[in-house]
């Protein structure tokens, strides 16, 4: 019996985010995680710096701001030890120039990450690791488009997060393993 298997319909690929020249900070305790995410962002033209803890992340963000070129996106491991990630988010919410900083929280699926994203409104998205380039691009585009009046801006963070994670085309492309030493 011969079965003809047609070529699967190509899922539309998300547009690469327009982040060329953006200053992006990746804050994660695990160096390989920093490197993986940084390389994906650099492929889109971003200027990426990394930090291994909240204190280093805050110092770099302040340095950028005080130099007249504030950071434009924070990619933060939601599980930084001793609640450092949460504390960093609380400080940034009060920090001049960073109250509306777009944030992508990297999560292992814990409910707390989604609750943080929902509480922050449309300036924060939670991505479950391991992340894929497609999901990262969709999250960045979602954050970029939040101020441009595009459709979907009135969705809750939880709904938008689910749409990024449950997209049927998400399983294409590069798989990334995010290591955790905790």
C-alpha atoms as a PDB file:
ATOM      1  CA  UNK A   1       0.000   0.000   0.000  1.00  0.00           C
ATOM      2  CA  UNK A   2       1.431   3.308  -1.021  1.00  0.00           C
ATOM      3  CA  UNK A   3       0.593   6.334   1.040  1.00  0.00           C
ATOM      4  CA  UNK A   4       1.196   9.706  -0.486  1.00  0.00           C
ATOM      5  CA  UNK A   5       2.418  12.104   2.087  1.00  0.00           C
ATOM      6  CA  UNK A   6       2.066  15.629   0.924  1.00  0.00           C
ATOM      7  CA  UNK A   7       4.440  18.305   1.973  1.00  0.00           C
ATOM      8  CA  UNK A   8       3.208  19.899   5.154  1.00  0.00           C
ATOM      9  CA  UNK A   9       1.901  23.391   4.784  1.00  0.00           C
ATOM     10  CA  UNK A  10       4.586  25.789   5.810  1.00  0.00           C
ATOM     11  CA  UNK A  11       3.540  27.683   8.892  1.00  0.00           C
ATOM     12  CA  UNK A  12       4.021  31.394   8.547  1.00  0.00           C
ATOM     13  CA  UNK A  13       7.246  32.462  10.196  1.00  0.00           C
ATOM     14  CA  UNK A  14       7.074  35.363  12.590  1.00  0.00           C
ATOM     15  CA  UNK A  15       8.681  38.547  11.479  1.00  0.00           C
ATOM     16  CA  UNK A  16      12.120  39.071  12.933  1.00  0.00           C
ATOM     17  CA  UNK A  17      11.783  41.712  15.583  1.00  0.00           C
ATOM     18  CA  UNK A  18      12.974  45.167  14.647  1.00  0.00           C
ATOM     19  CA  UNK A  19      15.545  45.470  17.420  1.00  0.00           C
ATOM     20  CA  UNK A  20      18.682  46.321  15.464  1.00  0.00           C
ATOM     21  CA  UNK A  21      20.756  48.605  17.655  1.00  0.00           C
ATOM     22  CA  UNK A  22      18.594  48.059  20.745  1.00  0.00           C
ATOM     23  CA  UNK A  23      20.370  47.737  24.080  1.00  0.00           C
ATOM     24  CA  UNK A  24      19.161  44.467  25.562  1.00  0.00           C
ATOM     25  CA  UNK A  25      20.176  43.003  28.893  1.00  0.00           C
ATOM     26  CA  UNK A  26      20.003  39.259  29.538  1.00  0.00           C
ATOM     27  CA  UNK A  27      20.055  38.545  33.282  1.00  0.00           C
ATOM     28  CA  UNK A  28      20.520  34.891  34.183  1.00  0.00           C
ATOM     29  CA  UNK A  29      22.760  33.100  36.663  1.00  0.00           C
ATOM     30  CA  UNK A  30      23.651  30.374  34.172  1.00  0.00           C
ATOM     31  CA  UNK A  31      26.284  31.509  31.666  1.00  0.00           C
ATOM     32  CA  UNK A  32      25.195  29.123  28.891  1.00  0.00           C
ATOM     33  CA  UNK A  33      21.627  30.425  29.140  1.00  0.00           C
ATOM     34  CA  UNK A  34      22.948  33.979  28.806  1.00  0.00           C
ATOM     35  CA  UNK A  35      24.958  32.992  25.745  1.00  0.00           C
ATOM     36  CA  UNK A  36      22.110  31.171  23.993  1.00  0.00           C
ATOM     37  CA  UNK A  37      19.629  34.021  24.411  1.00  0.00           C
ATOM     38  CA  UNK A  38      22.282  36.656  23.623  1.00  0.00           C
ATOM     39  CA  UNK A  39      23.188  34.938  20.351  1.00  0.00           C
ATOM     40  CA  UNK A  40      19.543  34.827  19.258  1.00  0.00           C
ATOM     41  CA  UNK A  41      19.114  38.531  20.047  1.00  0.00           C
ATOM     42  CA  UNK A  42      22.391  39.481  18.366  1.00  0.00           C
ATOM     43  CA  UNK A  43      21.221  37.659  15.224  1.00  0.00           C
ATOM     44  CA  UNK A  44      18.404  40.241  15.081  1.00  0.00           C
ATOM     45  CA  UNK A  45      20.926  43.075  15.444  1.00  0.00           C
ATOM     46  CA  UNK A  46      20.549  43.870  19.143  1.00  0.00           C
ATOM     47  CA  UNK A  47      23.447  45.094  21.270  1.00  0.00           C
ATOM     48  CA  UNK A  48      23.378  42.555  24.094  1.00  0.00           C
ATOM     49  CA  UNK A  49      24.974  42.622  27.512  1.00  0.00           C
ATOM     50  CA  UNK A  50      24.654  39.951  30.177  1.00  0.00           C
ATOM     51  CA  UNK A  51      24.491  39.917  33.952  1.00  0.00           C
ATOM     52  CA  UNK A  52      24.652  37.000  36.365  1.00  0.00           C
ATOM     53  CA  UNK A  53      22.629  38.562  39.162  1.00  0.00           C
ATOM     54  CA  UNK A  54      20.192  41.347  39.924  1.00  0.00           C
ATOM     55  CA  UNK A  55      22.796  43.748  41.343  1.00  0.00           C
ATOM     56  CA  UNK A  56      24.929  43.563  38.187  1.00  0.00           C
ATOM     57  CA  UNK A  57      21.823  43.934  36.010  1.00  0.00           C
ATOM     58  CA  UNK A  58      20.655  47.036  37.879  1.00  0.00           C
ATOM     59  CA  UNK A  59      24.136  48.581  37.779  1.00  0.00           C
ATOM     60  CA  UNK A  60      24.376  48.098  34.012  1.00  0.00           C
ATOM     61  CA  UNK A  61      20.879  49.430  33.354  1.00  0.00           C
ATOM     62  CA  UNK A  62      21.672  52.527  35.434  1.00  0.00           C
ATOM     63  CA  UNK A  63      24.996  52.989  33.635  1.00  0.00           C
ATOM     64  CA  UNK A  64      23.239  52.865  30.264  1.00  0.00           C
ATOM     65  CA  UNK A  65      20.555  55.303  31.410  1.00  0.00           C
ATOM     66  CA  UNK A  66      23.030  57.713  32.999  1.00  0.00           C
ATOM     67  CA  UNK A  67      25.031  57.624  29.756  1.00  0.00           C
ATOM     68  CA  UNK A  68      21.961  58.819  27.878  1.00  0.00           C
ATOM     69  CA  UNK A  69      21.172  55.481  26.233  1.00  0.00           C
ATOM     70  CA  UNK A  70      18.874  53.451  28.492  1.00  0.00           C
ATOM     71  CA  UNK A  71      18.249  49.750  28.015  1.00  0.00           C
ATOM     72  CA  UNK A  72      15.296  48.928  25.802  1.00  0.00           C
ATOM     73  CA  UNK A  73      14.556  45.318  26.740  1.00  0.00           C
ATOM     74  CA  UNK A  74      15.281  43.066  29.706  1.00  0.00           C
ATOM     75  CA  UNK A  75      15.312  39.279  29.382  1.00  0.00           C
ATOM     76  CA  UNK A  76      15.234  37.988  32.953  1.00  0.00           C
ATOM     77  CA  UNK A  77      15.424  34.510  34.435  1.00  0.00           C
ATOM     78  CA  UNK A  78      12.377  34.476  36.700  1.00  0.00           C
ATOM     79  CA  UNK A  79      14.161  32.137  39.097  1.00  0.00           C
ATOM     80  CA  UNK A  80      17.184  34.196  40.108  1.00  0.00           C
ATOM     81  CA  UNK A  81      18.164  32.978  43.566  1.00  0.00           C
ATOM     82  CA  UNK A  82      16.794  34.566  46.719  1.00  0.00           C
ATOM     83  CA  UNK A  83      13.993  36.379  44.864  1.00  0.00           C
ATOM     84  CA  UNK A  84      16.552  38.704  43.217  1.00  0.00           C
ATOM     85  CA  UNK A  85      14.550  38.743  40.009  1.00  0.00           C
ATOM     86  CA  UNK A  86      11.393  39.904  41.754  1.00  0.00           C
ATOM     87  CA  UNK A  87      13.341  42.524  43.690  1.00  0.00           C
ATOM     88  CA  UNK A  88      14.924  43.781  40.472  1.00  0.00           C
ATOM     89  CA  UNK A  89      11.491  44.148  38.871  1.00  0.00           C
ATOM     90  CA  UNK A  90      10.224  46.068  41.903  1.00  0.00           C
ATOM     91  CA  UNK A  91      13.222  48.435  41.845  1.00  0.00           C
ATOM     92  CA  UNK A  92      12.897  48.991  38.085  1.00  0.00           C
ATOM     93  CA  UNK A  93       9.203  49.859  38.495  1.00  0.00           C
ATOM     94  CA  UNK A  94      10.326  52.844  40.614  1.00  0.00           C
ATOM     95  CA  UNK A  95      13.508  53.619  38.666  1.00  0.00           C
ATOM     96  CA  UNK A  96      13.455  56.764  36.480  1.00  0.00           C
ATOM     97  CA  UNK A  97      13.417  55.734  32.831  1.00  0.00           C
ATOM     98  CA  UNK A  98      12.652  52.081  33.518  1.00  0.00           C
ATOM     99  CA  UNK A  99       9.105  51.964  34.895  1.00  0.00           C
ATOM    100  CA  UNK A 100       7.863  50.863  31.462  1.00  0.00           C
ATOM    101  CA  UNK A 101      10.876  48.767  30.414  1.00  0.00           C
ATOM    102  CA  UNK A 102       9.660  45.772  28.379  1.00  0.00           C
ATOM    103  CA  UNK A 103      10.557  42.510  30.116  1.00  0.00           C
ATOM    104  CA  UNK A 104      10.628  38.904  28.964  1.00  0.00           C
ATOM    105  CA  UNK A 105      10.604  36.554  31.946  1.00  0.00           C
ATOM    106  CA  UNK A 106      12.083  33.133  31.296  1.00  0.00           C
ATOM    107  CA  UNK A 107      10.285  30.455  33.279  1.00  0.00           C
ATOM    108  CA  UNK A 108      10.170  26.727  33.793  1.00  0.00           C
ATOM    109  CA  UNK A 109       6.397  26.977  33.760  1.00  0.00           C
ATOM    110  CA  UNK A 110       5.857  28.043  37.333  1.00  0.00           C
ATOM    111  CA  UNK A 111       2.615  29.873  37.949  1.00  0.00           C
ATOM    112  CA  UNK A 112       4.428  32.760  39.642  1.00  0.00           C
ATOM    113  CA  UNK A 113       5.968  33.866  36.334  1.00  0.00           C
ATOM    114  CA  UNK A 114       2.584  34.103  34.647  1.00  0.00           C
ATOM    115  CA  UNK A 115       1.162  35.966  37.639  1.00  0.00           C
ATOM    116  CA  UNK A 116       4.018  38.509  37.457  1.00  0.00           C
ATOM    117  CA  UNK A 117       3.463  39.029  33.741  1.00  0.00           C
ATOM    118  CA  UNK A 118      -0.267  39.468  34.219  1.00  0.00           C
ATOM    119  CA  UNK A 119       0.244  41.977  37.051  1.00  0.00           C
ATOM    120  CA  UNK A 120       2.677  44.005  34.911  1.00  0.00           C
ATOM    121  CA  UNK A 121       0.197  44.390  32.095  1.00  0.00           C
ATOM    122  CA  UNK A 122       1.405  44.648  28.523  1.00  0.00           C
ATOM    123  CA  UNK A 123       5.040  45.425  29.333  1.00  0.00           C
ATOM    124  CA  UNK A 124       5.931  41.877  30.374  1.00  0.00           C
ATOM    125  CA  UNK A 125       5.696  38.449  28.759  1.00  0.00           C
ATOM    126  CA  UNK A 126       6.481  35.085  30.333  1.00  0.00           C
ATOM    127  CA  UNK A 127       8.167  32.464  28.116  1.00  0.00           C
ATOM    128  CA  UNK A 128       8.491  28.867  29.217  1.00  0.00           C
ATOM    129  CA  UNK A 129      11.921  27.356  28.686  1.00  0.00           C
ATOM    130  CA  UNK A 130      13.362  25.809  26.714  1.00  0.00           C
ATOM    131  CA  UNK A 131      12.613  28.719  24.437  1.00  0.00           C
ATOM    132  CA  UNK A 132      12.579  28.618  20.692  1.00  0.00           C
ATOM    133  CA  UNK A 133      13.616  31.419  18.420  1.00  0.00           C
ATOM    134  CA  UNK A 134      10.072  31.672  17.047  1.00  0.00           C
ATOM    135  CA  UNK A 135       8.572  32.116  20.521  1.00  0.00           C
ATOM    136  CA  UNK A 136      11.212  34.707  21.417  1.00  0.00           C
ATOM    137  CA  UNK A 137      10.555  36.688  18.221  1.00  0.00           C
ATOM    138  CA  UNK A 138       6.808  36.576  18.827  1.00  0.00           C
ATOM    139  CA  UNK A 139       7.251  37.786  22.410  1.00  0.00           C
ATOM    140  CA  UNK A 140       9.528  40.650  21.340  1.00  0.00           C
ATOM    141  CA  UNK A 141       7.158  41.672  18.543  1.00  0.00           C
ATOM    142  CA  UNK A 142       4.278  41.594  21.018  1.00  0.00           C
ATOM    143  CA  UNK A 143       6.150  43.914  23.382  1.00  0.00           C
ATOM    144  CA  UNK A 144       7.216  46.240  20.555  1.00  0.00           C
ATOM    145  CA  UNK A 145       3.685  46.425  19.166  1.00  0.00           C
ATOM    146  CA  UNK A 146       2.081  47.182  22.534  1.00  0.00           C
ATOM    147  CA  UNK A 147       2.295  50.926  21.919  1.00  0.00           C
ATOM    148  CA  UNK A 148       1.429  50.880  18.254  1.00  0.00           C
ATOM    149  CA  UNK A 149      -2.309  50.239  18.523  1.00  0.00           C
ATOM    150  CA  UNK A 150      -2.141  46.915  16.744  1.00  0.00           C
ATOM    151  CA  UNK A 151      -4.842  44.272  17.158  1.00  0.00           C
ATOM    152  CA  UNK A 152      -4.599  42.213  20.293  1.00  0.00           C
ATOM    153  CA  UNK A 153      -3.331  45.013  22.530  1.00  0.00           C
ATOM    154  CA  UNK A 154      -6.335  44.609  24.790  1.00  0.00           C
ATOM    155  CA  UNK A 155      -5.653  40.958  25.559  1.00  0.00           C
ATOM    156  CA  UNK A 156      -4.507  40.021  29.021  1.00  0.00           C
ATOM    157  CA  UNK A 157      -0.850  39.058  29.486  1.00  0.00           C
ATOM    158  CA  UNK A 158      -1.911  35.531  30.323  1.00  0.00           C
ATOM    159  CA  UNK A 159      -3.848  35.223  27.051  1.00  0.00           C
ATOM    160  CA  UNK A 160      -0.969  36.652  25.018  1.00  0.00           C
ATOM    161  CA  UNK A 161       1.521  34.402  26.788  1.00  0.00           C
ATOM    162  CA  UNK A 162      -0.578  31.362  26.015  1.00  0.00           C
ATOM    163  CA  UNK A 163      -0.860  32.367  22.369  1.00  0.00           C
ATOM    164  CA  UNK A 164       2.913  32.643  22.091  1.00  0.00           C
ATOM    165  CA  UNK A 165       3.408  29.270  23.743  1.00  0.00           C
ATOM    166  CA  UNK A 166       0.610  27.326  22.072  1.00  0.00           C
ATOM    167  CA  UNK A 167       1.099  28.487  18.500  1.00  0.00           C
ATOM    168  CA  UNK A 168       0.934  25.361  16.294  1.00  0.00           C
ATOM    169  CA  UNK A 169       4.004  26.474  14.325  1.00  0.00           C
ATOM    170  CA  UNK A 170       6.073  26.885  17.460  1.00  0.00           C
ATOM    171  CA  UNK A 171       7.556  23.416  17.186  1.00  0.00           C
ATOM    172  CA  UNK A 172       9.526  24.297  14.064  1.00  0.00           C
ATOM    173  CA  UNK A 173      13.098  25.427  14.050  1.00  0.00           C
ATOM    174  CA  UNK A 174      15.723  25.552  16.721  1.00  0.00           C
ATOM    175  CA  UNK A 175      15.228  23.909  20.114  1.00  0.00           C
ATOM    176  CA  UNK A 176      17.097  25.424  23.002  1.00  0.00           C
ATOM    177  CA  UNK A 177      17.868  23.675  26.267  1.00  0.00           C
ATOM    178  CA  UNK A 178      18.084  26.120  29.128  1.00  0.00           C
ATOM    179  CA  UNK A 179      20.199  24.693  31.943  1.00  0.00           C
ATOM    180  CA  UNK A 180      19.504  25.449  35.577  1.00  0.00           C
ATOM    181  CA  UNK A 181      21.915  24.812  38.392  1.00  0.00           C
ATOM    182  CA  UNK A 182      19.395  25.119  41.217  1.00  0.00           C
END
